[in-house]
Amino acid sequence: MFKIVLASKSKVRKEILDQNNILSSVIPSNVDEDSIKESLTNQKASPETISIKLAELKANKVSLNNKGLVLGADSVIDLNGSIISKPSNRVEALDILKSLNNKSHYLISSVCISKDGNMIWKYSEKARLTMKNFSDEELKAYLSKISDENLYAYNVYQIEGEGKKLFSDIKGDENTIMGLPIDKIKDYLKNYE
């Protein structure tokens, strides 16, 4: 059984590691994601580049003070080349759902493994999700079923729960959509040992 440090406070990512027999301790990076996203967006970085960079920064920061391998992860929603960030309130959450309503978007999940403050491996994967067409009332009813903790931690939909009902089509790995392309991580760790 492999042991790593997870540079994330995401309960879902921790659960995915546990389910795949990867022991992990959790040390959140506390990287200022919003300012980094803003800076990279101003530099015209692609959503995928932003996701990878955030995963790398998180892993590198935590690995500076921790022995062994550190896993950083980040997921972004890419709607026509623009990033949709996590909502900070329920009005923003409704606006995000309205912008995704009846459209396709990509969810990009990136992971990075660092050791001694340096990235030694990275990977990024996309899933394509097409949202059904909903009225504003239906979207409000959906949001009313989601706790504040989940809404602000995991964005506007949780594919492992109620969120699955929002979509007419999902192309991609469910673990990737939940924030951790676990198969690629396991392949890397297997070869690392």
Protein backbone atom coordinates (compact mmCIF):
# COMPACT_ATOMS: atom_id res chain seq x y z
CA MET A 1 0.00 0.00 0.00
CA PHE A 2 1.41 3.38 -1.06
CA LYS A 3 1.40 6.45 1.22
CA ILE A 4 1.27 10.04 0.02
CA VAL A 5 0.35 13.48 1.31
CA LEU A 6 -2.77 15.01 -0.24
CA ALA A 7 -2.37 18.78 -0.58
CA SER A 8 -6.13 19.31 -0.58
CA LYS A 9 -8.95 19.48 1.93
CA SER A 10 -11.36 17.86 -0.56
CA LYS A 11 -13.22 15.05 1.17
CA VAL A 12 -14.11 13.51 -2.20
CA ARG A 13 -10.46 13.33 -3.31
CA LYS A 14 -9.51 11.74 0.03
CA GLU A 15 -12.32 9.18 -0.36
CA ILE A 16 -11.17 8.28 -3.88
CA LEU A 17 -7.62 7.65 -2.59
CA ASP A 18 -8.97 5.56 0.32
CA GLN A 19 -11.17 3.48 -2.01
CA ASN A 20 -8.10 2.74 -4.13
CA ASN A 21 -5.91 1.62 -1.19
CA ILE A 22 -3.66 4.68 -1.31
CA LEU A 23 -2.96 5.82 2.24
CA SER A 24 -2.89 9.57 2.51
CA SER A 25 -2.55 12.24 5.12
CA VAL A 26 -4.17 15.58 4.37
CA ILE A 27 -2.25 18.86 4.50
CA PRO A 28 -4.12 21.65 2.70
CA SER A 29 -1.85 23.98 0.72
CA ASN A 30 -3.87 27.14 1.41
CA VAL A 31 -2.71 28.57 -1.92
CA ASP A 32 -4.60 31.74 -2.92
CA GLU A 33 -6.34 30.19 -5.92
CA ASP A 34 -8.37 33.24 -6.92
CA SER A 35 -5.39 35.59 -7.31
CA ILE A 36 -3.42 32.92 -9.21
CA LYS A 37 -6.37 32.25 -11.55
CA GLU A 38 -6.77 35.99 -12.13
CA SER A 39 -3.07 36.44 -12.88
CA LEU A 40 -2.94 33.48 -15.28
CA THR A 41 -6.19 34.56 -16.97
CA ASN A 42 -4.68 38.03 -17.52
CA GLN A 43 -1.73 36.27 -19.17
CA LYS A 44 -4.22 34.52 -21.51
CA ALA A 45 -3.44 31.06 -20.08
CA SER A 46 -5.80 28.29 -21.16
CA PRO A 47 -8.15 26.71 -18.58
CA GLU A 48 -6.06 23.52 -18.75
CA THR A 49 -2.83 25.44 -18.09
CA ILE A 50 -4.46 27.17 -15.11
CA SER A 51 -5.64 23.85 -13.69
CA ILE A 52 -2.21 22.23 -14.06
CA LYS A 53 -0.42 25.27 -12.60
CA LEU A 54 -2.68 25.33 -9.54
CA ALA A 55 -2.18 21.60 -8.93
CA GLU A 56 1.58 22.07 -9.22
CA LEU A 57 1.70 25.08 -6.88
CA LYS A 58 -0.33 23.21 -4.24
CA ALA A 59 1.87 20.10 -4.39
CA ASN A 60 5.14 22.05 -4.46
CA LYS A 61 4.17 24.24 -1.52
CA VAL A 62 3.23 21.32 0.74
CA SER A 63 6.18 19.17 -0.38
CA LEU A 64 8.68 21.83 0.70
CA ASN A 65 8.01 20.92 4.35
CA ASN A 66 6.98 17.27 4.06
CA LYS A 67 8.93 14.13 3.22
CA GLY A 68 7.83 11.75 0.50
CA LEU A 69 5.40 12.30 -2.32
CA VAL A 70 2.78 15.06 -2.26
CA LEU A 71 -0.27 15.03 -4.52
CA GLY A 72 -1.78 18.34 -5.57
CA ALA A 73 -5.01 18.54 -7.55
CA ASP A 74 -7.21 21.15 -9.14
CA SER A 75 -10.36 21.10 -11.23
CA VAL A 76 -11.80 23.88 -13.35
CA ILE A 77 -14.94 24.27 -15.42
CA ASP A 78 -14.15 25.43 -18.97
CA LEU A 79 -17.11 27.04 -20.75
CA ASN A 80 -16.04 28.11 -24.24
CA GLY A 81 -12.48 28.83 -23.10
CA SER A 82 -13.45 30.77 -19.96
CA ILE A 83 -13.05 29.47 -16.44
CA ILE A 84 -16.03 29.27 -14.14
CA SER A 85 -14.88 29.45 -10.52
CA LYS A 86 -16.55 28.13 -7.39
CA PRO A 87 -19.42 30.32 -6.20
CA SER A 88 -19.01 32.43 -3.08
CA ASN A 89 -22.77 32.69 -2.50
CA ARG A 90 -26.05 31.19 -3.71
CA VAL A 91 -26.76 34.01 -6.16
CA GLU A 92 -23.44 33.26 -7.90
CA ALA A 93 -24.25 29.55 -7.83
CA LEU A 94 -27.54 30.18 -9.64
CA ASP A 95 -25.78 32.42 -12.17
CA ILE A 96 -23.24 29.65 -12.85
CA LEU A 97 -25.99 27.09 -13.42
CA LYS A 98 -27.79 29.51 -15.75
CA SER A 99 -24.57 29.99 -17.77
CA LEU A 100 -24.13 26.18 -18.09
CA ASN A 101 -27.84 25.55 -18.75
CA ASN A 102 -28.56 23.72 -22.04
CA LYS A 103 -24.86 23.86 -23.04
CA SER A 104 -21.81 21.64 -23.13
CA HIS A 105 -18.72 22.43 -21.08
CA TYR A 106 -15.51 20.72 -20.06
CA LEU A 107 -14.45 19.83 -16.56
CA ILE A 108 -10.66 19.66 -16.40
CA SER A 109 -8.97 17.83 -13.52
CA SER A 110 -5.22 18.13 -13.14
CA VAL A 111 -2.92 16.39 -10.70
CA CYS A 112 0.71 16.87 -9.84
CA ILE A 113 3.07 14.86 -7.67
CA SER A 114 5.93 16.74 -6.07
CA LYS A 115 8.90 15.76 -3.96
CA ASP A 116 11.13 18.15 -2.01
CA GLY A 117 9.36 21.19 -3.46
CA ASN A 118 9.64 20.13 -7.12
CA MET A 119 7.13 18.61 -9.48
CA ILE A 120 8.11 15.13 -10.63
CA TRP A 121 4.90 14.19 -12.50
CA LYS A 122 1.76 15.86 -13.80
CA TYR A 123 -1.35 14.81 -15.65
CA SER A 124 -4.51 16.52 -16.86
CA GLU A 125 -7.76 14.99 -18.10
CA LYS A 126 -10.97 16.45 -19.54
CA ALA A 127 -14.56 15.32 -19.33
CA ARG A 128 -17.33 16.79 -21.49
CA LEU A 129 -20.68 17.41 -19.83
CA THR A 130 -23.88 18.57 -21.51
CA MET A 131 -26.46 20.09 -19.23
CA LYS A 132 -30.17 19.65 -19.81
CA ASN A 133 -32.43 22.66 -20.29
CA PHE A 134 -33.95 23.81 -16.98
CA SER A 135 -36.15 26.69 -15.91
CA ASP A 136 -34.80 29.10 -13.29
CA GLU A 137 -37.23 27.58 -10.78
CA GLU A 138 -35.89 24.08 -11.45
CA LEU A 139 -32.32 25.32 -10.97
CA LYS A 140 -33.28 27.01 -7.68
CA ALA A 141 -34.96 23.80 -6.52
CA TYR A 142 -31.80 21.84 -7.34
CA LEU A 143 -29.62 24.31 -5.40
CA SER A 144 -31.94 24.10 -2.39
CA LYS A 145 -30.97 20.42 -2.02
CA ILE A 146 -27.22 21.16 -1.78
CA SER A 147 -25.62 22.11 1.53
CA ASP A 148 -23.52 25.27 1.74
CA GLU A 149 -20.45 23.16 2.59
CA ASN A 150 -20.74 21.11 -0.60
CA LEU A 151 -21.73 24.05 -2.76
CA TYR A 152 -18.71 26.17 -1.84
CA ALA A 153 -16.23 23.29 -1.70
CA TYR A 154 -17.07 21.42 -4.91
CA ASN A 155 -18.71 23.99 -7.20
CA VAL A 156 -22.31 23.85 -8.37
CA TYR A 157 -22.70 20.17 -9.11
CA GLN A 158 -21.61 16.98 -7.44
CA ILE A 159 -21.67 14.28 -10.08
CA GLU A 160 -21.70 11.55 -7.42
CA GLY A 161 -25.01 12.84 -6.03
CA GLU A 162 -27.92 15.01 -7.17
CA GLY A 163 -25.73 16.68 -9.79
CA LYS A 164 -25.85 13.69 -12.12
CA LYS A 165 -29.52 14.49 -12.87
CA LEU A 166 -28.51 17.84 -14.40
CA PHE A 167 -26.89 16.27 -17.46
CA SER A 168 -28.17 14.75 -20.67
CA ASP A 169 -24.70 13.54 -21.68
CA ILE A 170 -21.44 12.87 -19.83
CA LYS A 171 -18.30 11.81 -21.67
CA GLY A 172 -15.42 11.10 -19.34
CA ASP A 173 -14.30 9.27 -16.24
CA GLU A 174 -16.44 9.87 -13.14
CA ASN A 175 -13.38 10.05 -10.86
CA THR A 176 -11.93 12.76 -13.12
CA ILE A 177 -15.19 14.70 -12.84
CA MET A 178 -15.01 14.33 -9.05
CA GLY A 179 -11.51 15.82 -9.16
CA LEU A 180 -9.04 12.94 -9.26
CA PRO A 181 -8.07 10.87 -12.36
CA ILE A 182 -7.18 7.97 -10.09
CA ASP A 183 -6.24 5.40 -12.75
CA LYS A 184 -3.36 7.55 -14.02
CA ILE A 185 -2.23 8.28 -10.46
CA LYS A 186 -2.17 4.55 -9.67
CA ASP A 187 -0.21 3.83 -12.87
CA TYR A 188 2.39 6.43 -11.90
CA LEU A 189 2.72 5.21 -8.30
CA LYS A 190 3.04 1.59 -9.47
CA ASN A 191 5.98 2.54 -11.69
CA TYR A 192 7.50 4.80 -9.02
CA GLU A 193 7.87 2.05 -6.41
